[in-house]
């Protein structure tokens, strides 16, 4: 059964909770709006949130977070999702799911970031701390492979977009990123999807980072994408210094940001306006920077 065929609503979640975690059965359930494509989120009472995969492709990420978040959380400078309950498949829902502690904060909006320099420093500290975690037995990151392995799908996306992007300009920037020396050091942990939707802020400070389904080890440059999908140009150098990224890593990070956005844009053009807007923003920022 495909996840989109399931009725993911509050009554379903209430039944799942009552059966698996009866101590929480009396808590109210409310679905949360989200631009995410893989999971549905439901607020459970005041302090909890239930996260369920929407399709089979998201199921491995559930198990991934349940295994690795307890190892990562103690080292990181801000809270991350804390698995408090593990739901197993049953007659109402065919895949594993999780209950997490609710994390306070809101998603920042690119182009309207409060205290961008401070946020850049916080994000840099988060990336450094994640990279410091020993990679022993760690899984490969979803986006941790060499950048050149994305060459074909990136060029295909540019061709599909046609006149909706400046094909010559983005292709030149992509080829520039491919020319940057690759990562030669030991693999390190990376979140893999540092985007506005996976960052929580309050008062201009980083308060939490969520959605670790893509986390793993590989080329650390992938976590530099936040410099373009969230931070304004004025704060990028602060972030770069906080992370300690050299020229080659920075160029690969820009290439990651460009590739992710170019591939997302045609794929979600008619189905996910928030991701389309974000992708267009990233491409515009990189073009302006190169300008």
C-alpha atoms as a PDB file:
ATOM      1  CA  UNK A   1       0.000   0.000   0.000  1.00  0.00           C
ATOM      2  CA  UNK A   2       1.336   3.436  -0.965  1.00  0.00           C
ATOM      3  CA  UNK A   3       1.484   6.018   1.827  1.00  0.00           C
ATOM      4  CA  UNK A   4      -0.531   8.516  -0.193  1.00  0.00           C
ATOM      5  CA  UNK A   5      -3.407   6.004  -0.124  1.00  0.00           C
ATOM      6  CA  UNK A   6      -3.454   6.003   3.691  1.00  0.00           C
ATOM      7  CA  UNK A   7      -5.703   8.339   5.630  1.00  0.00           C
ATOM      8  CA  UNK A   8      -3.163  10.028   7.880  1.00  0.00           C
ATOM      9  CA  UNK A   9      -5.396  11.932  10.273  1.00  0.00           C
ATOM     10  CA  UNK A  10      -5.795  12.637  13.974  1.00  0.00           C
ATOM     11  CA  UNK A  11      -8.203   9.695  14.653  1.00  0.00           C
ATOM     12  CA  UNK A  12      -5.657   7.270  13.208  1.00  0.00           C
ATOM     13  CA  UNK A  13      -2.868   8.681  15.357  1.00  0.00           C
ATOM     14  CA  UNK A  14      -5.103   8.586  18.419  1.00  0.00           C
ATOM     15  CA  UNK A  15      -5.780   4.871  17.822  1.00  0.00           C
ATOM     16  CA  UNK A  16      -2.085   4.142  17.354  1.00  0.00           C
ATOM     17  CA  UNK A  17      -1.166   5.977  20.542  1.00  0.00           C
ATOM     18  CA  UNK A  18      -3.928   4.365  22.582  1.00  0.00           C
ATOM     19  CA  UNK A  19      -2.828   0.903  21.493  1.00  0.00           C
ATOM     20  CA  UNK A  20       0.932   1.360  21.788  1.00  0.00           C
ATOM     21  CA  UNK A  21       1.260   3.985  24.532  1.00  0.00           C
ATOM     22  CA  UNK A  22      -1.905   3.937  26.674  1.00  0.00           C
ATOM     23  CA  UNK A  23      -0.390   6.400  29.172  1.00  0.00           C
ATOM     24  CA  UNK A  24      -0.669   9.073  26.449  1.00  0.00           C
ATOM     25  CA  UNK A  25      -4.108   8.009  25.160  1.00  0.00           C
ATOM     26  CA  UNK A  26      -5.967  10.948  26.744  1.00  0.00           C
ATOM     27  CA  UNK A  27      -3.725  13.590  25.157  1.00  0.00           C
ATOM     28  CA  UNK A  28      -5.207  15.645  22.292  1.00  0.00           C
ATOM     29  CA  UNK A  29      -3.885  15.034  18.776  1.00  0.00           C
ATOM     30  CA  UNK A  30      -3.550  17.751  16.138  1.00  0.00           C
ATOM     31  CA  UNK A  31      -1.979  17.553  12.692  1.00  0.00           C
ATOM     32  CA  UNK A  32       0.743  20.088  11.965  1.00  0.00           C
ATOM     33  CA  UNK A  33       1.150  21.868   8.652  1.00  0.00           C
ATOM     34  CA  UNK A  34       4.422  21.004   6.961  1.00  0.00           C
ATOM     35  CA  UNK A  35       6.072  21.405   3.580  1.00  0.00           C
ATOM     36  CA  UNK A  36       7.938  18.135   4.111  1.00  0.00           C
ATOM     37  CA  UNK A  37       7.459  15.418   1.542  1.00  0.00           C
ATOM     38  CA  UNK A  38       8.328  12.265   3.494  1.00  0.00           C
ATOM     39  CA  UNK A  39       6.634  12.432   6.905  1.00  0.00           C
ATOM     40  CA  UNK A  40       3.435  13.619   8.578  1.00  0.00           C
ATOM     41  CA  UNK A  41       3.632  15.350  11.966  1.00  0.00           C
ATOM     42  CA  UNK A  42       1.014  15.414  14.729  1.00  0.00           C
ATOM     43  CA  UNK A  43       1.193  17.364  17.972  1.00  0.00           C
ATOM     44  CA  UNK A  44       0.434  15.097  20.935  1.00  0.00           C
ATOM     45  CA  UNK A  45      -0.520  17.093  23.990  1.00  0.00           C
ATOM     46  CA  UNK A  46       1.750  19.983  24.920  1.00  0.00           C
ATOM     47  CA  UNK A  47       5.097  18.211  25.064  1.00  0.00           C
ATOM     48  CA  UNK A  48       5.136  15.499  22.381  1.00  0.00           C
ATOM     49  CA  UNK A  49       4.990  15.088  18.608  1.00  0.00           C
ATOM     50  CA  UNK A  50       4.212  11.993  16.539  1.00  0.00           C
ATOM     51  CA  UNK A  51       6.057  11.493  13.241  1.00  0.00           C
ATOM     52  CA  UNK A  52       4.809   8.965  10.689  1.00  0.00           C
ATOM     53  CA  UNK A  53       6.240   8.115   7.259  1.00  0.00           C
ATOM     54  CA  UNK A  54       3.936   9.017   4.389  1.00  0.00           C
ATOM     55  CA  UNK A  55       5.389   6.557   1.877  1.00  0.00           C
ATOM     56  CA  UNK A  56       7.575   3.412   1.813  1.00  0.00           C
ATOM     57  CA  UNK A  57      10.680   5.373   0.781  1.00  0.00           C
ATOM     58  CA  UNK A  58      10.608   7.204   4.124  1.00  0.00           C
ATOM     59  CA  UNK A  59      10.548   4.076   6.297  1.00  0.00           C
ATOM     60  CA  UNK A  60      14.341   3.535   6.447  1.00  0.00           C
ATOM     61  CA  UNK A  61      14.741   7.103   7.747  1.00  0.00           C
ATOM     62  CA  UNK A  62      12.498   6.275  10.712  1.00  0.00           C
ATOM     63  CA  UNK A  63      14.689   3.379  11.817  1.00  0.00           C
ATOM     64  CA  UNK A  64      17.782   5.457  11.045  1.00  0.00           C
ATOM     65  CA  UNK A  65      16.739   8.242  13.427  1.00  0.00           C
ATOM     66  CA  UNK A  66      15.646   5.813  16.120  1.00  0.00           C
ATOM     67  CA  UNK A  67      19.106   4.252  16.078  1.00  0.00           C
ATOM     68  CA  UNK A  68      21.421   7.223  15.668  1.00  0.00           C
ATOM     69  CA  UNK A  69      19.807  10.229  17.356  1.00  0.00           C
ATOM     70  CA  UNK A  70      20.516   8.955  20.891  1.00  0.00           C
ATOM     71  CA  UNK A  71      24.215   8.770  19.944  1.00  0.00           C
ATOM     72  CA  UNK A  72      24.369  12.204  18.311  1.00  0.00           C
ATOM     73  CA  UNK A  73      22.224  14.234  20.710  1.00  0.00           C
ATOM     74  CA  UNK A  74      24.578  14.402  23.728  1.00  0.00           C
ATOM     75  CA  UNK A  75      27.365  16.008  21.669  1.00  0.00           C
ATOM     76  CA  UNK A  76      25.343  18.644  19.845  1.00  0.00           C
ATOM     77  CA  UNK A  77      24.996  22.233  21.137  1.00  0.00           C
ATOM     78  CA  UNK A  78      21.238  22.479  20.507  1.00  0.00           C
ATOM     79  CA  UNK A  79      18.392  19.999  21.036  1.00  0.00           C
ATOM     80  CA  UNK A  80      17.534  17.467  18.346  1.00  0.00           C
ATOM     81  CA  UNK A  81      14.529  15.126  18.206  1.00  0.00           C
ATOM     82  CA  UNK A  82      14.560  12.795  21.201  1.00  0.00           C
ATOM     83  CA  UNK A  83      12.855   9.443  20.527  1.00  0.00           C
ATOM     84  CA  UNK A  84      10.589   8.748  23.499  1.00  0.00           C
ATOM     85  CA  UNK A  85       8.476   6.038  21.907  1.00  0.00           C
ATOM     86  CA  UNK A  86       8.908   3.618  19.026  1.00  0.00           C
ATOM     87  CA  UNK A  87       5.733   2.595  17.236  1.00  0.00           C
ATOM     88  CA  UNK A  88       5.656  -0.700  15.362  1.00  0.00           C
ATOM     89  CA  UNK A  89       3.565  -1.665  12.308  1.00  0.00           C
ATOM     90  CA  UNK A  90       0.077  -2.997  13.027  1.00  0.00           C
ATOM     91  CA  UNK A  91      -3.283  -3.469  11.329  1.00  0.00           C
ATOM     92  CA  UNK A  92      -3.916   0.295  11.209  1.00  0.00           C
ATOM     93  CA  UNK A  93      -0.508   1.469   9.984  1.00  0.00           C
ATOM     94  CA  UNK A  94       1.996  -0.666   8.045  1.00  0.00           C
ATOM     95  CA  UNK A  95       5.282   1.051   8.968  1.00  0.00           C
ATOM     96  CA  UNK A  96       7.287   2.029  12.069  1.00  0.00           C
ATOM     97  CA  UNK A  97       6.739   5.478  13.545  1.00  0.00           C
ATOM     98  CA  UNK A  98       8.059   7.582  16.432  1.00  0.00           C
ATOM     99  CA  UNK A  99       7.040   9.823  19.287  1.00  0.00           C
ATOM    100  CA  UNK A 100       9.451  12.662  20.042  1.00  0.00           C
ATOM    101  CA  UNK A 101       9.685  15.382  22.622  1.00  0.00           C
ATOM    102  CA  UNK A 102       8.268  18.642  21.246  1.00  0.00           C
ATOM    103  CA  UNK A 103      10.981  21.169  20.396  1.00  0.00           C
ATOM    104  CA  UNK A 104      10.206  24.854  20.727  1.00  0.00           C
ATOM    105  CA  UNK A 105      11.007  27.329  17.975  1.00  0.00           C
ATOM    106  CA  UNK A 106       9.880  28.263  14.508  1.00  0.00           C
ATOM    107  CA  UNK A 107      11.237  27.736  11.033  1.00  0.00           C
ATOM    108  CA  UNK A 108      13.158  30.799   9.828  1.00  0.00           C
ATOM    109  CA  UNK A 109      12.299  32.431   6.522  1.00  0.00           C
ATOM    110  CA  UNK A 110      15.057  32.965   3.991  1.00  0.00           C
ATOM    111  CA  UNK A 111      15.302  36.649   3.229  1.00  0.00           C
ATOM    112  CA  UNK A 112      13.877  37.621   6.616  1.00  0.00           C
ATOM    113  CA  UNK A 113      16.378  36.145   9.062  1.00  0.00           C
ATOM    114  CA  UNK A 114      16.537  37.845  12.435  1.00  0.00           C
ATOM    115  CA  UNK A 115      20.102  38.490  13.679  1.00  0.00           C
ATOM    116  CA  UNK A 116      21.730  36.665  10.732  1.00  0.00           C
ATOM    117  CA  UNK A 117      25.293  36.990  12.030  1.00  0.00           C
ATOM    118  CA  UNK A 118      24.339  35.374  15.322  1.00  0.00           C
ATOM    119  CA  UNK A 119      22.437  32.610  13.568  1.00  0.00           C
ATOM    120  CA  UNK A 120      25.406  32.029  11.253  1.00  0.00           C
ATOM    121  CA  UNK A 121      27.654  31.526  14.270  1.00  0.00           C
ATOM    122  CA  UNK A 122      25.160  29.132  15.866  1.00  0.00           C
ATOM    123  CA  UNK A 123      24.836  27.090  12.682  1.00  0.00           C
ATOM    124  CA  UNK A 124      28.609  26.951  12.340  1.00  0.00           C
ATOM    125  CA  UNK A 125      28.930  25.675  15.906  1.00  0.00           C
ATOM    126  CA  UNK A 126      26.326  22.999  15.205  1.00  0.00           C
ATOM    127  CA  UNK A 127      28.141  21.821  12.065  1.00  0.00           C
ATOM    128  CA  UNK A 128      31.506  21.739  13.867  1.00  0.00           C
ATOM    129  CA  UNK A 129      30.061  19.751  16.764  1.00  0.00           C
ATOM    130  CA  UNK A 130      28.426  17.238  14.427  1.00  0.00           C
ATOM    131  CA  UNK A 131      31.697  16.799  12.552  1.00  0.00           C
ATOM    132  CA  UNK A 132      33.519  16.112  15.823  1.00  0.00           C
ATOM    133  CA  UNK A 133      31.500  12.967  16.585  1.00  0.00           C
ATOM    134  CA  UNK A 134      33.596   9.829  15.961  1.00  0.00           C
ATOM    135  CA  UNK A 135      32.417   8.166  12.730  1.00  0.00           C
ATOM    136  CA  UNK A 136      32.835   4.635  14.112  1.00  0.00           C
ATOM    137  CA  UNK A 137      30.205   2.314  12.571  1.00  0.00           C
ATOM    138  CA  UNK A 138      28.392   5.354  11.156  1.00  0.00           C
ATOM    139  CA  UNK A 139      26.315   4.904   7.995  1.00  0.00           C
ATOM    140  CA  UNK A 140      27.122   6.729   4.760  1.00  0.00           C
ATOM    141  CA  UNK A 141      25.220   9.977   4.420  1.00  0.00           C
ATOM    142  CA  UNK A 142      22.409  10.215   1.914  1.00  0.00           C
ATOM    143  CA  UNK A 143      24.251  13.144   0.312  1.00  0.00           C
ATOM    144  CA  UNK A 144      27.761  12.273   1.399  1.00  0.00           C
ATOM    145  CA  UNK A 145      29.066  10.899  -1.870  1.00  0.00           C
ATOM    146  CA  UNK A 146      31.355  12.817  -4.274  1.00  0.00           C
ATOM    147  CA  UNK A 147      29.713  15.768  -5.964  1.00  0.00           C
ATOM    148  CA  UNK A 148      30.514  14.502  -9.458  1.00  0.00           C
ATOM    149  CA  UNK A 149      28.078  11.623  -8.971  1.00  0.00           C
ATOM    150  CA  UNK A 150      25.295  14.229  -9.243  1.00  0.00           C
ATOM    151  CA  UNK A 151      26.472  15.518 -12.603  1.00  0.00           C
ATOM    152  CA  UNK A 152      24.014  13.642 -14.801  1.00  0.00           C
ATOM    153  CA  UNK A 153      20.822  14.355 -12.797  1.00  0.00           C
ATOM    154  CA  UNK A 154      21.852  17.993 -12.357  1.00  0.00           C
ATOM    155  CA  UNK A 155      22.308  18.521 -16.096  1.00  0.00           C
ATOM    156  CA  UNK A 156      19.061  16.660 -16.792  1.00  0.00           C
ATOM    157  CA  UNK A 157      17.245  19.034 -14.434  1.00  0.00           C
ATOM    158  CA  UNK A 158      18.696  22.083 -16.191  1.00  0.00           C
ATOM    159  CA  UNK A 159      17.520  20.720 -19.528  1.00  0.00           C
ATOM    160  CA  UNK A 160      14.052  19.996 -18.133  1.00  0.00           C
ATOM    161  CA  UNK A 161      13.736  23.486 -16.676  1.00  0.00           C
ATOM    162  CA  UNK A 162      14.399  25.094 -20.042  1.00  0.00           C
ATOM    163  CA  UNK A 163      13.756  28.834 -20.007  1.00  0.00           C
ATOM    164  CA  UNK A 164      12.741  28.803 -16.346  1.00  0.00           C
ATOM    165  CA  UNK A 165      16.432  29.194 -15.414  1.00  0.00           C
ATOM    166  CA  UNK A 166      19.465  30.798 -17.029  1.00  0.00           C
ATOM    167  CA  UNK A 167      20.810  27.474 -18.286  1.00  0.00           C
ATOM    168  CA  UNK A 168      24.154  28.852 -19.402  1.00  0.00           C
ATOM    169  CA  UNK A 169      24.858  30.593 -16.113  1.00  0.00           C
ATOM    170  CA  UNK A 170      23.856  27.727 -13.819  1.00  0.00           C
ATOM    171  CA  UNK A 171      25.722  25.199 -15.960  1.00  0.00           C
ATOM    172  CA  UNK A 172      28.894  27.283 -15.770  1.00  0.00           C
ATOM    173  CA  UNK A 173      28.599  27.506 -11.994  1.00  0.00           C
ATOM    174  CA  UNK A 174      27.938  23.791 -11.735  1.00  0.00           C
ATOM    175  CA  UNK A 175      31.017  22.990 -13.814  1.00  0.00           C
ATOM    176  CA  UNK A 176      33.047  25.323 -11.615  1.00  0.00           C
ATOM    177  CA  UNK A 177      31.958  23.345  -8.543  1.00  0.00           C
ATOM    178  CA  UNK A 178      32.907  20.067 -10.207  1.00  0.00           C
ATOM    179  CA  UNK A 179      36.426  21.408 -10.784  1.00  0.00           C
ATOM    180  CA  UNK A 180      36.974  21.947  -7.044  1.00  0.00           C
ATOM    181  CA  UNK A 181      39.210  19.338  -5.370  1.00  0.00           C
ATOM    182  CA  UNK A 182      37.209  16.607  -3.668  1.00  0.00           C
ATOM    183  CA  UNK A 183      37.178  15.752   0.029  1.00  0.00           C
ATOM    184  CA  UNK A 184      40.396  13.902   0.881  1.00  0.00           C
ATOM    185  CA  UNK A 185      40.128  13.688   4.657  1.00  0.00           C
ATOM    186  CA  UNK A 186      38.402  11.079   6.763  1.00  0.00           C
ATOM    187  CA  UNK A 187      34.618  10.878   6.455  1.00  0.00           C
ATOM    188  CA  UNK A 188      32.801  12.966   9.056  1.00  0.00           C
ATOM    189  CA  UNK A 189      29.211  13.249  10.208  1.00  0.00           C
ATOM    190  CA  UNK A 190      26.910  15.604   8.302  1.00  0.00           C
ATOM    191  CA  UNK A 191      23.211  16.346   8.699  1.00  0.00           C
ATOM    192  CA  UNK A 192      22.717  16.305   4.945  1.00  0.00           C
ATOM    193  CA  UNK A 193      19.632  18.535   4.748  1.00  0.00           C
ATOM    194  CA  UNK A 194      20.267  21.761   6.638  1.00  0.00           C
ATOM    195  CA  UNK A 195      17.384  23.797   5.258  1.00  0.00           C
ATOM    196  CA  UNK A 196      14.939  26.316   6.741  1.00  0.00           C
ATOM    197  CA  UNK A 197      12.373  23.572   7.278  1.00  0.00           C
ATOM    198  CA  UNK A 198      14.790  21.580   9.436  1.00  0.00           C
ATOM    199  CA  UNK A 199      16.002  24.476  11.580  1.00  0.00           C
ATOM    200  CA  UNK A 200      14.145  25.964  14.567  1.00  0.00           C
ATOM    201  CA  UNK A 201      14.971  29.467  15.796  1.00  0.00           C
ATOM    202  CA  UNK A 202      13.788  31.877  18.444  1.00  0.00           C
ATOM    203  CA  UNK A 203      14.969  35.423  19.054  1.00  0.00           C
ATOM    204  CA  UNK A 204      17.468  35.111  16.233  1.00  0.00           C
ATOM    205  CA  UNK A 205      19.226  32.127  17.835  1.00  0.00           C
ATOM    206  CA  UNK A 206      19.352  28.509  16.734  1.00  0.00           C
ATOM    207  CA  UNK A 207      17.154  26.508  19.118  1.00  0.00           C
ATOM    208  CA  UNK A 208      17.002  23.054  17.518  1.00  0.00           C
ATOM    209  CA  UNK A 209      17.762  21.039  14.391  1.00  0.00           C
ATOM    210  CA  UNK A 210      15.339  18.362  13.234  1.00  0.00           C
ATOM    211  CA  UNK A 211      14.964  15.625  10.586  1.00  0.00           C
ATOM    212  CA  UNK A 212      18.135  13.522  10.670  1.00  0.00           C
ATOM    213  CA  UNK A 213      16.933  10.982   8.123  1.00  0.00           C
ATOM    214  CA  UNK A 214      19.746  11.921   5.722  1.00  0.00           C
ATOM    215  CA  UNK A 215      22.487  12.142   8.383  1.00  0.00           C
ATOM    216  CA  UNK A 216      25.638  10.067   7.971  1.00  0.00           C
ATOM    217  CA  UNK A 217      29.310  10.314   7.087  1.00  0.00           C
ATOM    218  CA  UNK A 218      30.935  11.485   3.868  1.00  0.00           C
ATOM    219  CA  UNK A 219      31.926  14.789   2.307  1.00  0.00           C
ATOM    220  CA  UNK A 220      31.206  17.450   4.965  1.00  0.00           C
ATOM    221  CA  UNK A 221      30.636  20.138   2.309  1.00  0.00           C
ATOM    222  CA  UNK A 222      26.984  19.113   2.024  1.00  0.00           C
ATOM    223  CA  UNK A 223      26.169  20.930   5.280  1.00  0.00           C
ATOM    224  CA  UNK A 224      27.301  24.228   3.797  1.00  0.00           C
ATOM    225  CA  UNK A 225      24.070  24.419   1.766  1.00  0.00           C
ATOM    226  CA  UNK A 226      22.507  26.409   4.610  1.00  0.00           C
ATOM    227  CA  UNK A 227      24.744  29.327   3.611  1.00  0.00           C
ATOM    228  CA  UNK A 228      22.574  29.789   0.506  1.00  0.00           C
ATOM    229  CA  UNK A 229      19.184  28.312   1.375  1.00  0.00           C
ATOM    230  CA  UNK A 230      18.811  30.355   4.573  1.00  0.00           C
ATOM    231  CA  UNK A 231      21.569  32.852   5.366  1.00  0.00           C
ATOM    232  CA  UNK A 232      21.824  36.208   3.574  1.00  0.00           C
ATOM    233  CA  UNK A 233      25.002  37.065   1.696  1.00  0.00           C
ATOM    234  CA  UNK A 234      26.095  39.382   4.526  1.00  0.00           C
ATOM    235  CA  UNK A 235      26.325  36.469   6.993  1.00  0.00           C
ATOM    236  CA  UNK A 236      27.907  33.817   4.784  1.00  0.00           C
ATOM    237  CA  UNK A 237      31.484  34.708   5.621  1.00  0.00           C
ATOM    238  CA  UNK A 238      30.653  34.520   9.333  1.00  0.00           C
ATOM    239  CA  UNK A 239      29.241  31.029   8.826  1.00  0.00           C
ATOM    240  CA  UNK A 240      32.207  29.981   6.712  1.00  0.00           C
ATOM    241  CA  UNK A 241      34.676  31.114   9.376  1.00  0.00           C
ATOM    242  CA  UNK A 242      32.659  29.417  12.132  1.00  0.00           C
ATOM    243  CA  UNK A 243      32.777  26.138  10.220  1.00  0.00           C
ATOM    244  CA  UNK A 244      36.379  26.575   9.083  1.00  0.00           C
ATOM    245  CA  UNK A 245      35.685  25.776   5.428  1.00  0.00           C
ATOM    246  CA  UNK A 246      38.529  26.161   2.956  1.00  0.00           C
ATOM    247  CA  UNK A 247      38.174  27.238  -0.653  1.00  0.00           C
ATOM    248  CA  UNK A 248      37.621  23.755  -2.100  1.00  0.00           C
ATOM    249  CA  UNK A 249      35.049  22.788   0.522  1.00  0.00           C
ATOM    250  CA  UNK A 250      33.212  26.082   0.096  1.00  0.00           C
ATOM    251  CA  UNK A 251      33.078  25.614  -3.682  1.00  0.00           C
ATOM    252  CA  UNK A 252      31.700  22.085  -3.239  1.00  0.00           C
ATOM    253  CA  UNK A 253      29.159  23.372  -0.737  1.00  0.00           C
ATOM    254  CA  UNK A 254      27.924  25.930  -3.267  1.00  0.00           C
ATOM    255  CA  UNK A 255      27.767  23.143  -5.826  1.00  0.00           C
ATOM    256  CA  UNK A 256      25.680  21.019  -3.450  1.00  0.00           C
ATOM    257  CA  UNK A 257      23.267  23.888  -2.859  1.00  0.00           C
ATOM    258  CA  UNK A 258      22.949  24.504  -6.608  1.00  0.00           C
ATOM    259  CA  UNK A 259      22.498  20.846  -7.512  1.00  0.00           C
ATOM    260  CA  UNK A 260      19.899  20.144  -4.829  1.00  0.00           C
ATOM    261  CA  UNK A 261      17.859  23.164  -5.881  1.00  0.00           C
ATOM    262  CA  UNK A 262      18.080  22.477  -9.608  1.00  0.00           C
ATOM    263  CA  UNK A 263      16.936  18.873  -9.152  1.00  0.00           C
ATOM    264  CA  UNK A 264      14.132  19.792  -6.747  1.00  0.00           C
ATOM    265  CA  UNK A 265      12.749  22.564  -8.920  1.00  0.00           C
ATOM    266  CA  UNK A 266      11.273  20.559 -11.825  1.00  0.00           C
ATOM    267  CA  UNK A 267      10.383  17.601  -9.612  1.00  0.00           C
ATOM    268  CA  UNK A 268       8.191  19.670  -7.263  1.00  0.00           C
ATOM    269  CA  UNK A 269       7.163  22.427  -9.685  1.00  0.00           C
ATOM    270  CA  UNK A 270       3.456  21.505  -9.627  1.00  0.00           C
ATOM    271  CA  UNK A 271       3.178  19.824  -6.213  1.00  0.00           C
ATOM    272  CA  UNK A 272       5.180  21.659  -3.544  1.00  0.00           C
ATOM    273  CA  UNK A 273       5.168  25.475  -3.822  1.00  0.00           C
ATOM    274  CA  UNK A 274       7.293  25.907  -0.684  1.00  0.00           C
ATOM    275  CA  UNK A 275      10.135  23.776  -2.030  1.00  0.00           C
ATOM    276  CA  UNK A 276       9.872  25.468  -5.414  1.00  0.00           C
ATOM    277  CA  UNK A 277      10.160  28.894  -3.801  1.00  0.00           C
ATOM    278  CA  UNK A 278      13.130  27.751  -1.720  1.00  0.00           C
ATOM    279  CA  UNK A 279      14.891  26.276  -4.746  1.00  0.00           C
ATOM    280  CA  UNK A 280      14.374  29.414  -6.785  1.00  0.00           C
ATOM    281  CA  UNK A 281      15.728  31.490  -3.905  1.00  0.00           C
ATOM    282  CA  UNK A 282      18.909  29.403  -3.684  1.00  0.00           C
ATOM    283  CA  UNK A 283      19.562  29.605  -7.414  1.00  0.00           C
ATOM    284  CA  UNK A 284      19.006  33.369  -7.381  1.00  0.00           C
ATOM    285  CA  UNK A 285      21.372  33.801  -4.416  1.00  0.00           C
ATOM    286  CA  UNK A 286      24.144  31.796  -6.087  1.00  0.00           C
ATOM    287  CA  UNK A 287      23.734  33.656  -9.377  1.00  0.00           C
ATOM    288  CA  UNK A 288      23.812  37.005  -7.584  1.00  0.00           C
ATOM    289  CA  UNK A 289      26.926  35.991  -5.662  1.00  0.00           C
ATOM    290  CA  UNK A 290      28.676  35.009  -8.878  1.00  0.00           C
ATOM    291  CA  UNK A 291      27.410  38.111 -10.619  1.00  0.00           C
END
